[in-house]
Each structure stands twice: as structure tokens, then as C-alpha cells.
Amino acid sequence: MSKYKITLSYDGYPFGGWQIQPNTSSIQGHLQQVFELLIGEPITVIGSGRTDAGVHAKKQVAHFETEKELPSTFLDDANSKLPSEIRLLSIEKVEANFHARFSAVQKTYHYHISTAPVLSPFECRYRTHLYYEMDLENLQQALKYFIGTHDFSSFANERGTPCSPIKTLHALNYVPEGDGKFRLEFTGNGFLYKMVRNLVGTLVYVARGKLSLKELSDLIEAKNRRLAPPPAPPQGLFLTSVEYK
């Protein structure tokens, strides 16, 4: 049995998310369908994480196992059959103990926002347009409240098997991009379900003056999702990198 690691990029807009679901087009589903066609045996593709519907990935990582040795043309063969919104960037054979999810030590997400009066229709799938007046200096002050190791229960939606809400954010940066656009960069050792979108939604509330910094601190300590603002929309979110030892 051989194990292969793949790095891929995808536009999440047309899909119902990473994970296979009934009657829904998924990234995992398309990968498995194409791989099974090319390899000729059942294939299970395991991702580093399950992105939601409409969320994108610049560099997602996954693995799969097969009884066969793959030809050097496999990457090109797969890309020729996958939807144009999904592209394999690389494939390599790895040791048996590699796991795309459990071997990961750090991930980075970017969330793209525009506060410009008009957002180009060519950007609307990849950037969230906020029409509100926002205090971006206040937003930047709020970032430091999340950096470090915290219980992020107030910023996690429930899904499946519970996991530890204790996560470490190594970095959280505000990056201006000009013309009323900016992005928020999150780097951490792991992320809970919808955690990044929930954090962005909360930061937007701070920037709009709907949540004070004192209330933000209290919200973190409350460890209660029901007290937090709603999540930001999915289209501005990109998984940009997954790192391994």
C-alpha cells in the first residue's frame, strides 16, 4: 500500500464544501471520482480540514492510499478530468505515518474584505463587501485579544465529534490592500468549526461600534457561542497554507 500527499487549489464557490454530502457537489467527491477512474480501485481522500460551502483554498493538503504505483503523468491526467475550479498543484509519495489532518502543525487562513462604495462583480465571489462605516483602528486594537492560547468556545459552531476548544493563534494581522480593501491573516495550530468566520464576524462588530473591547474580552471569557455575533460570509475566506514538521 502506497500513501500519496496532494496539494491542491480550488474555487469554493460552485461546491457545497470539501466533504462528500448527499446530492451536493463537493471537492472531496470530485477528487475521489477522478482518482478512482484513473487508478481503478476505491479511493478515500482525507483533507487537512473540511472547508465550508463557498470557502476557497490556495493550498489545501490531502492524502490517499492505493495499492498501485502512480505514473508520472497522474497529476496532469487528474487535472484534465477535474472541474476547472479544482487543480492539483503537486503530488508526492509519503511515509505511512503521514496524515493530512493529524500531522499538520500550523494553518493559515486569509479573509478578504472591501469597504469601498462599489465592489467589482469579478471580486464578489472572493471578497466580502461591507457597507458599514467601520473604525479600522479599533478593529486592529481588537486583534491582540485573540493572539495566544485561549478557549475559543465562543467562536466555534458545533459539528460532529467534539474537540478541544483550546487553540493557539500565533499571529493575527491586518493587511491593507488599497482602495478600501484589506485582509485579515490568521495563523494558528488549529481551528475549530467556523472559527475564522466567527472571529471575523466579531471583529466587524467591534469595528462598527456594536461591541466594545471590554465586551470582547468578556465574550472570550464567557465561552458561549450564543453570546457572540454571527459569522462573516464564506466567500471572503481562503485556506492559504498547511504546514507540517
C-alpha atoms as a PDB file:
ATOM      1  CA  MET A   1       0.000   0.000   0.000  1.00  0.00           C
ATOM      2  CA  SER A   2       1.369   3.414  -1.011  1.00  0.00           C
ATOM      3  CA  LYS A   3       0.342   6.751   0.501  1.00  0.00           C
ATOM      4  CA  TYR A   4       0.331   9.960  -1.521  1.00  0.00           C
ATOM      5  CA  LYS A   5       0.166  13.575  -0.378  1.00  0.00           C
ATOM      6  CA  ILE A   6      -1.502  16.067  -2.695  1.00  0.00           C
ATOM      7  CA  THR A   7      -1.523  19.854  -2.585  1.00  0.00           C
ATOM      8  CA  LEU A   8      -4.424  21.475  -4.384  1.00  0.00           C
ATOM      9  CA  SER A   9      -6.157  24.766  -5.012  1.00  0.00           C
ATOM     10  CA  TYR A  10      -9.850  25.349  -5.515  1.00  0.00           C
ATOM     11  CA  ASP A  11     -12.517  27.977  -6.002  1.00  0.00           C
ATOM     12  CA  GLY A  12     -15.129  27.014  -3.425  1.00  0.00           C
ATOM     13  CA  TYR A  13     -17.995  28.964  -4.983  1.00  0.00           C
ATOM     14  CA  PRO A  14     -19.606  26.150  -7.048  1.00  0.00           C
ATOM     15  CA  PHE A  15     -19.305  23.498  -4.338  1.00  0.00           C
ATOM     16  CA  GLY A  16     -21.166  22.553  -1.185  1.00  0.00           C
ATOM     17  CA  GLY A  17     -17.880  22.358   0.692  1.00  0.00           C
ATOM     18  CA  TRP A  18     -14.993  19.920   0.957  1.00  0.00           C
ATOM     19  CA  GLN A  19     -16.849  16.956   2.434  1.00  0.00           C
ATOM     20  CA  ILE A  20     -18.974  14.498   0.497  1.00  0.00           C
ATOM     21  CA  GLN A  21     -22.674  15.039   1.206  1.00  0.00           C
ATOM     22  CA  PRO A  22     -25.812  13.594  -0.411  1.00  0.00           C
ATOM     23  CA  ASN A  23     -26.988  15.430  -3.521  1.00  0.00           C
ATOM     24  CA  THR A  24     -24.222  18.029  -3.230  1.00  0.00           C
ATOM     25  CA  SER A  25     -21.179  18.700  -5.399  1.00  0.00           C
ATOM     26  CA  SER A  26     -18.072  18.539  -3.177  1.00  0.00           C
ATOM     27  CA  ILE A  27     -14.320  18.862  -3.644  1.00  0.00           C
ATOM     28  CA  GLN A  28     -13.675  15.535  -1.924  1.00  0.00           C
ATOM     29  CA  GLY A  29     -16.299  13.867  -4.095  1.00  0.00           C
ATOM     30  CA  HIS A  30     -14.792  15.109  -7.362  1.00  0.00           C
ATOM     31  CA  LEU A  31     -11.287  14.068  -6.301  1.00  0.00           C
ATOM     32  CA  GLN A  32     -12.364  10.567  -5.349  1.00  0.00           C
ATOM     33  CA  GLN A  33     -14.395  10.126  -8.521  1.00  0.00           C
ATOM     34  CA  VAL A  34     -11.485  11.116 -10.765  1.00  0.00           C
ATOM     35  CA  PHE A  35      -8.869   9.178  -8.780  1.00  0.00           C
ATOM     36  CA  GLU A  36     -10.983   6.020  -8.823  1.00  0.00           C
ATOM     37  CA  LEU A  37     -11.426   6.376 -12.584  1.00  0.00           C
ATOM     38  CA  LEU A  38      -7.677   6.747 -13.150  1.00  0.00           C
ATOM     39  CA  ILE A  39      -6.481   4.190 -10.601  1.00  0.00           C
ATOM     40  CA  GLY A  40      -9.212   1.592 -10.958  1.00  0.00           C
ATOM     41  CA  GLU A  41      -9.904   0.973  -7.259  1.00  0.00           C
ATOM     42  CA  PRO A  42     -11.895   2.648  -4.453  1.00  0.00           C
ATOM     43  CA  ILE A  43     -10.077   5.718  -3.103  1.00  0.00           C
ATOM     44  CA  THR A  44     -10.694   7.760   0.044  1.00  0.00           C
ATOM     45  CA  VAL A  45      -9.212  11.263   0.068  1.00  0.00           C
ATOM     46  CA  ILE A  46      -8.550  12.769   3.519  1.00  0.00           C
ATOM     47  CA  GLY A  47      -8.114  16.550   3.731  1.00  0.00           C
ATOM     48  CA  SER A  48      -6.279  18.653   6.292  1.00  0.00           C
ATOM     49  CA  GLY A  49      -9.640  20.183   7.125  1.00  0.00           C
ATOM     50  CA  ARG A  50     -13.168  20.487   5.786  1.00  0.00           C
ATOM     51  CA  THR A  51     -13.816  23.880   4.227  1.00  0.00           C
ATOM     52  CA  ASP A  52     -17.445  25.015   4.079  1.00  0.00           C
ATOM     53  CA  ALA A  53     -19.549  25.825   1.041  1.00  0.00           C
ATOM     54  CA  GLY A  54     -18.169  28.882  -0.737  1.00  0.00           C
ATOM     55  CA  VAL A  55     -14.803  28.830   1.069  1.00  0.00           C
ATOM     56  CA  HIS A  56     -11.690  28.712  -1.113  1.00  0.00           C
ATOM     57  CA  ALA A  57      -8.244  27.155  -0.799  1.00  0.00           C
ATOM     58  CA  LYS A  58      -4.987  28.332  -2.311  1.00  0.00           C
ATOM     59  CA  LYS A  59      -3.063  25.418  -0.808  1.00  0.00           C
ATOM     60  CA  GLN A  60      -5.158  22.660   0.712  1.00  0.00           C
ATOM     61  CA  VAL A  61      -3.385  19.394   1.563  1.00  0.00           C
ATOM     62  CA  ALA A  62      -4.849  15.887   1.443  1.00  0.00           C
ATOM     63  CA  HIS A  63      -3.708  12.272   1.278  1.00  0.00           C
ATOM     64  CA  PHE A  64      -4.927   8.966  -0.078  1.00  0.00           C
ATOM     65  CA  GLU A  65      -3.730   5.369  -0.230  1.00  0.00           C
ATOM     66  CA  THR A  66      -3.620   2.959  -3.138  1.00  0.00           C
ATOM     67  CA  GLU A  67      -2.312  -0.494  -3.923  1.00  0.00           C
ATOM     68  CA  LYS A  68      -0.847   0.800  -7.165  1.00  0.00           C
ATOM     69  CA  GLU A  69       2.180   2.855  -8.132  1.00  0.00           C
ATOM     70  CA  LEU A  70       1.029   6.030  -9.827  1.00  0.00           C
ATOM     71  CA  PRO A  71       2.514   7.051 -13.178  1.00  0.00           C
ATOM     72  CA  SER A  72       4.429  10.316 -13.573  1.00  0.00           C
ATOM     73  CA  THR A  73       1.516  11.636 -15.647  1.00  0.00           C
ATOM     74  CA  PHE A  74      -1.024  11.227 -12.821  1.00  0.00           C
ATOM     75  CA  LEU A  75      -1.189  14.915 -11.855  1.00  0.00           C
ATOM     76  CA  ASP A  76      -1.790  16.063 -15.427  1.00  0.00           C
ATOM     77  CA  ASP A  77      -4.225  13.217 -16.057  1.00  0.00           C
ATOM     78  CA  ALA A  78      -6.234  14.133 -12.963  1.00  0.00           C
ATOM     79  CA  ASN A  79      -6.295  17.854 -13.758  1.00  0.00           C
ATOM     80  CA  SER A  80      -7.570  17.112 -17.251  1.00  0.00           C
ATOM     81  CA  LYS A  81     -10.640  15.401 -15.741  1.00  0.00           C
ATOM     82  CA  LEU A  82     -11.321  17.537 -12.661  1.00  0.00           C
ATOM     83  CA  PRO A  83     -13.637  20.570 -12.815  1.00  0.00           C
ATOM     84  CA  SER A  84     -11.731  23.706 -13.809  1.00  0.00           C
ATOM     85  CA  GLU A  85     -12.323  25.125 -10.314  1.00  0.00           C
ATOM     86  CA  ILE A  86     -10.160  22.359  -8.777  1.00  0.00           C
ATOM     87  CA  ARG A  87      -6.472  21.970  -9.591  1.00  0.00           C
ATOM     88  CA  LEU A  88      -3.817  19.657  -8.209  1.00  0.00           C
ATOM     89  CA  LEU A  89      -0.588  21.585  -7.635  1.00  0.00           C
ATOM     90  CA  SER A  90       1.657  18.702  -6.597  1.00  0.00           C
ATOM     91  CA  ILE A  91       1.658  15.036  -5.637  1.00  0.00           C
ATOM     92  CA  GLU A  92       4.303  13.081  -3.752  1.00  0.00           C
ATOM     93  CA  LYS A  93       4.670   9.716  -2.086  1.00  0.00           C
ATOM     94  CA  VAL A  94       4.917   9.977   1.714  1.00  0.00           C
ATOM     95  CA  GLU A  95       5.607   7.721   4.680  1.00  0.00           C
ATOM     96  CA  ALA A  96       2.815   5.543   6.034  1.00  0.00           C
ATOM     97  CA  ASN A  97       2.527   7.614   9.223  1.00  0.00           C
ATOM     98  CA  PHE A  98       1.752  10.867   7.387  1.00  0.00           C
ATOM     99  CA  HIS A  99      -1.783  12.168   7.918  1.00  0.00           C
ATOM    100  CA  ALA A 100      -3.031  15.307   6.166  1.00  0.00           C
ATOM    101  CA  ARG A 101      -5.064  16.363   9.189  1.00  0.00           C
ATOM    102  CA  PHE A 102      -3.308  14.972  12.252  1.00  0.00           C
ATOM    103  CA  SER A 103       0.270  15.614  11.069  1.00  0.00           C
ATOM    104  CA  ALA A 104      -0.410  19.311  10.439  1.00  0.00           C
ATOM    105  CA  VAL A 105       1.228  21.681  12.931  1.00  0.00           C
ATOM    106  CA  GLN A 106       0.049  25.043  11.595  1.00  0.00           C
ATOM    107  CA  LYS A 107      -2.511  26.539   9.224  1.00  0.00           C
ATOM    108  CA  THR A 108      -3.001  29.995   7.782  1.00  0.00           C
ATOM    109  CA  TYR A 109      -6.278  31.500   6.608  1.00  0.00           C
ATOM    110  CA  HIS A 110      -6.844  34.858   4.919  1.00  0.00           C
ATOM    111  CA  TYR A 111     -10.150  36.710   4.995  1.00  0.00           C
ATOM    112  CA  HIS A 112     -10.645  39.386   2.321  1.00  0.00           C
ATOM    113  CA  ILE A 113     -12.898  42.413   2.884  1.00  0.00           C
ATOM    114  CA  SER A 114     -13.840  45.530   0.916  1.00  0.00           C
ATOM    115  CA  THR A 115     -15.331  48.694   2.391  1.00  0.00           C
ATOM    116  CA  ALA A 116     -15.273  50.529  -0.948  1.00  0.00           C
ATOM    117  CA  PRO A 117     -18.569  52.028  -2.192  1.00  0.00           C
ATOM    118  CA  VAL A 118     -18.647  49.563  -5.086  1.00  0.00           C
ATOM    119  CA  LEU A 119     -17.197  46.052  -5.313  1.00  0.00           C
ATOM    120  CA  SER A 120     -16.410  44.749  -8.789  1.00  0.00           C
ATOM    121  CA  PRO A 121     -18.670  41.869  -9.858  1.00  0.00           C
ATOM    122  CA  PHE A 122     -15.463  39.991 -10.682  1.00  0.00           C
ATOM    123  CA  GLU A 123     -14.477  40.067  -6.995  1.00  0.00           C
ATOM    124  CA  CYS A 124     -17.786  39.317  -5.307  1.00  0.00           C
ATOM    125  CA  ARG A 125     -17.086  35.578  -5.039  1.00  0.00           C
ATOM    126  CA  TYR A 126     -13.722  36.143  -3.357  1.00  0.00           C
ATOM    127  CA  ARG A 127     -14.171  39.157  -1.089  1.00  0.00           C
ATOM    128  CA  THR A 128     -16.862  40.188   1.383  1.00  0.00           C
ATOM    129  CA  HIS A 129     -18.326  43.632   0.748  1.00  0.00           C
ATOM    130  CA  LEU A 130     -19.201  45.542   3.929  1.00  0.00           C
ATOM    131  CA  TYR A 131     -21.374  48.614   3.504  1.00  0.00           C
ATOM    132  CA  TYR A 132     -20.994  49.847   7.088  1.00  0.00           C
ATOM    133  CA  GLU A 133     -18.857  52.639   8.448  1.00  0.00           C
ATOM    134  CA  MET A 134     -16.005  50.922  10.254  1.00  0.00           C
ATOM    135  CA  ASP A 135     -13.374  52.060  12.735  1.00  0.00           C
ATOM    136  CA  LEU A 136     -10.415  50.106  11.407  1.00  0.00           C
ATOM    137  CA  GLU A 137      -8.111  51.363  14.145  1.00  0.00           C
ATOM    138  CA  ASN A 138     -10.469  49.856  16.709  1.00  0.00           C
ATOM    139  CA  LEU A 139     -10.513  46.630  14.702  1.00  0.00           C
ATOM    140  CA  GLN A 140      -6.723  46.480  14.798  1.00  0.00           C
ATOM    141  CA  GLN A 141      -6.767  47.031  18.564  1.00  0.00           C
ATOM    142  CA  ALA A 142      -9.118  44.060  18.895  1.00  0.00           C
ATOM    143  CA  LEU A 143      -6.770  41.652  17.099  1.00  0.00           C
ATOM    144  CA  LYS A 144      -4.431  41.331  20.081  1.00  0.00           C
ATOM    145  CA  TYR A 145      -7.245  39.918  22.237  1.00  0.00           C
ATOM    146  CA  PHE A 146      -7.214  36.725  20.170  1.00  0.00           C
ATOM    147  CA  ILE A 147      -3.465  36.162  19.837  1.00  0.00           C
ATOM    148  CA  GLY A 148      -2.082  33.420  22.067  1.00  0.00           C
ATOM    149  CA  THR A 149      -3.657  30.337  23.617  1.00  0.00           C
ATOM    150  CA  HIS A 150      -7.339  30.658  24.511  1.00  0.00           C
ATOM    151  CA  ASP A 151     -10.548  28.707  24.904  1.00  0.00           C
ATOM    152  CA  PHE A 152     -12.322  29.706  21.679  1.00  0.00           C
ATOM    153  CA  SER A 153     -15.712  28.173  22.592  1.00  0.00           C
ATOM    154  CA  SER A 154     -17.466  31.500  21.936  1.00  0.00           C
ATOM    155  CA  PHE A 155     -16.289  31.334  18.325  1.00  0.00           C
ATOM    156  CA  ALA A 156     -16.967  27.705  17.371  1.00  0.00           C
ATOM    157  CA  ASN A 157     -20.108  26.171  15.917  1.00  0.00           C
ATOM    158  CA  GLU A 158     -20.905  22.615  16.916  1.00  0.00           C
ATOM    159  CA  ARG A 159     -20.235  19.843  14.414  1.00  0.00           C
ATOM    160  CA  GLY A 160     -19.801  16.099  14.888  1.00  0.00           C
ATOM    161  CA  THR A 161     -17.316  14.813  17.420  1.00  0.00           C
ATOM    162  CA  PRO A 162     -16.377  17.486  19.987  1.00  0.00           C
ATOM    163  CA  CYS A 163     -12.722  18.531  20.042  1.00  0.00           C
ATOM    164  CA  SER A 164     -10.740  20.682  22.434  1.00  0.00           C
ATOM    165  CA  PRO A 165     -11.679  24.375  22.185  1.00  0.00           C
ATOM    166  CA  ILE A 166      -8.194  25.316  23.359  1.00  0.00           C
ATOM    167  CA  LYS A 167      -6.290  26.645  20.346  1.00  0.00           C
ATOM    168  CA  THR A 168      -3.271  28.878  19.815  1.00  0.00           C
ATOM    169  CA  LEU A 169      -3.293  31.788  17.384  1.00  0.00           C
ATOM    170  CA  HIS A 170       0.348  32.549  16.632  1.00  0.00           C
ATOM    171  CA  ALA A 171      -0.431  35.602  14.511  1.00  0.00           C
ATOM    172  CA  LEU A 172      -3.418  37.709  13.502  1.00  0.00           C
ATOM    173  CA  ASN A 173      -2.612  40.570  11.154  1.00  0.00           C
ATOM    174  CA  TYR A 174      -4.470  43.381   9.428  1.00  0.00           C
ATOM    175  CA  VAL A 175      -3.074  43.944   5.919  1.00  0.00           C
ATOM    176  CA  PRO A 176      -4.317  46.971   3.910  1.00  0.00           C
ATOM    177  CA  GLU A 177      -4.610  46.350   0.173  1.00  0.00           C
ATOM    178  CA  GLY A 178      -5.648  49.804  -1.054  1.00  0.00           C
ATOM    179  CA  ASP A 179      -8.900  51.149  -2.497  1.00  0.00           C
ATOM    180  CA  GLY A 180     -10.853  50.359   0.668  1.00  0.00           C
ATOM    181  CA  LYS A 181      -9.751  46.730   0.700  1.00  0.00           C
ATOM    182  CA  PHE A 182      -7.926  44.754   3.360  1.00  0.00           C
ATOM    183  CA  ARG A 183      -7.390  41.226   4.557  1.00  0.00           C
ATOM    184  CA  LEU A 184      -7.085  39.563   7.946  1.00  0.00           C
ATOM    185  CA  GLU A 185      -4.424  36.850   8.229  1.00  0.00           C
ATOM    186  CA  PHE A 186      -4.896  34.113  10.834  1.00  0.00           C
ATOM    187  CA  THR A 187      -2.087  31.660  11.653  1.00  0.00           C
ATOM    188  CA  GLY A 188      -2.578  29.025  14.326  1.00  0.00           C
ATOM    189  CA  ASN A 189      -2.005  25.455  15.410  1.00  0.00           C
ATOM    190  CA  GLY A 190      -5.584  24.533  14.589  1.00  0.00           C
ATOM    191  CA  PHE A 191      -9.039  25.986  14.055  1.00  0.00           C
ATOM    192  CA  LEU A 192     -12.486  24.984  15.277  1.00  0.00           C
ATOM    193  CA  TYR A 193     -15.515  24.666  13.003  1.00  0.00           C
ATOM    194  CA  LYS A 194     -16.313  28.117  11.540  1.00  0.00           C
ATOM    195  CA  MET A 195     -13.845  29.677  13.982  1.00  0.00           C
ATOM    196  CA  VAL A 196     -12.247  32.069  11.490  1.00  0.00           C
ATOM    197  CA  ARG A 197     -15.578  33.284  10.132  1.00  0.00           C
ATOM    198  CA  ASN A 198     -16.881  33.732  13.680  1.00  0.00           C
ATOM    199  CA  LEU A 199     -13.786  35.707  14.659  1.00  0.00           C
ATOM    200  CA  VAL A 200     -14.161  37.936  11.598  1.00  0.00           C
ATOM    201  CA  GLY A 201     -17.848  38.494  12.362  1.00  0.00           C
ATOM    202  CA  THR A 202     -16.930  39.548  15.892  1.00  0.00           C
ATOM    203  CA  LEU A 203     -14.147  41.855  14.695  1.00  0.00           C
ATOM    204  CA  VAL A 204     -16.580  43.528  12.302  1.00  0.00           C
ATOM    205  CA  TYR A 205     -18.932  44.175  15.239  1.00  0.00           C
ATOM    206  CA  VAL A 206     -16.049  45.831  17.094  1.00  0.00           C
ATOM    207  CA  ALA A 207     -15.205  47.962  14.038  1.00  0.00           C
ATOM    208  CA  ARG A 208     -18.862  49.021  13.707  1.00  0.00           C
ATOM    209  CA  GLY A 209     -19.022  50.077  17.356  1.00  0.00           C
ATOM    210  CA  LYS A 210     -21.530  47.352  18.209  1.00  0.00           C
ATOM    211  CA  LEU A 211     -19.093  45.615  20.585  1.00  0.00           C
ATOM    212  CA  SER A 212     -16.611  47.360  22.873  1.00  0.00           C
ATOM    213  CA  LEU A 213     -13.158  45.999  23.636  1.00  0.00           C
ATOM    214  CA  LYS A 214     -14.313  45.307  27.211  1.00  0.00           C
ATOM    215  CA  GLU A 215     -17.306  43.379  25.871  1.00  0.00           C
ATOM    216  CA  LEU A 216     -14.979  41.490  23.536  1.00  0.00           C
ATOM    217  CA  SER A 217     -12.811  40.449  26.479  1.00  0.00           C
ATOM    218  CA  ASP A 218     -15.921  39.343  28.384  1.00  0.00           C
ATOM    219  CA  LEU A 219     -17.127  37.382  25.358  1.00  0.00           C
ATOM    220  CA  ILE A 220     -13.874  35.425  25.162  1.00  0.00           C
ATOM    221  CA  GLU A 221     -14.141  34.602  28.869  1.00  0.00           C
ATOM    222  CA  ALA A 222     -17.822  33.613  28.567  1.00  0.00           C
ATOM    223  CA  LYS A 223     -17.013  30.602  26.346  1.00  0.00           C
ATOM    224  CA  ASN A 224     -20.554  30.728  24.978  1.00  0.00           C
ATOM    225  CA  ARG A 225     -21.221  30.795  21.235  1.00  0.00           C
ATOM    226  CA  ARG A 226     -24.787  32.034  21.728  1.00  0.00           C
ATOM    227  CA  LEU A 227     -23.492  35.354  23.058  1.00  0.00           C
ATOM    228  CA  ALA A 228     -21.287  36.090  20.038  1.00  0.00           C
ATOM    229  CA  PRO A 229     -22.115  37.933  16.794  1.00  0.00           C
ATOM    230  CA  PRO A 230     -22.995  35.972  13.632  1.00  0.00           C
ATOM    231  CA  PRO A 231     -20.228  34.613  11.387  1.00  0.00           C
ATOM    232  CA  ALA A 232     -18.864  36.502   8.415  1.00  0.00           C
ATOM    233  CA  PRO A 233     -19.947  35.184   4.983  1.00  0.00           C
ATOM    234  CA  PRO A 234     -17.908  32.345   3.433  1.00  0.00           C
ATOM    235  CA  GLN A 235     -16.769  33.942   0.180  1.00  0.00           C
ATOM    236  CA  GLY A 236     -14.002  36.082   1.690  1.00  0.00           C
ATOM    237  CA  LEU A 237     -12.233  33.125   3.305  1.00  0.00           C
ATOM    238  CA  PHE A 238      -9.190  31.335   1.854  1.00  0.00           C
ATOM    239  CA  LEU A 239      -7.147  28.499   3.318  1.00  0.00           C
ATOM    240  CA  THR A 240      -3.697  29.651   2.206  1.00  0.00           C
ATOM    241  CA  SER A 241      -1.259  27.144   3.711  1.00  0.00           C
ATOM    242  CA  VAL A 242      -0.916  23.997   5.807  1.00  0.00           C
ATOM    243  CA  GLU A 243       2.436  23.281   7.406  1.00  0.00           C
ATOM    244  CA  TYR A 244       3.976  20.023   8.621  1.00  0.00           C
ATOM    245  CA  LYS A 245       7.041  19.082  10.630  1.00  0.00           C
END
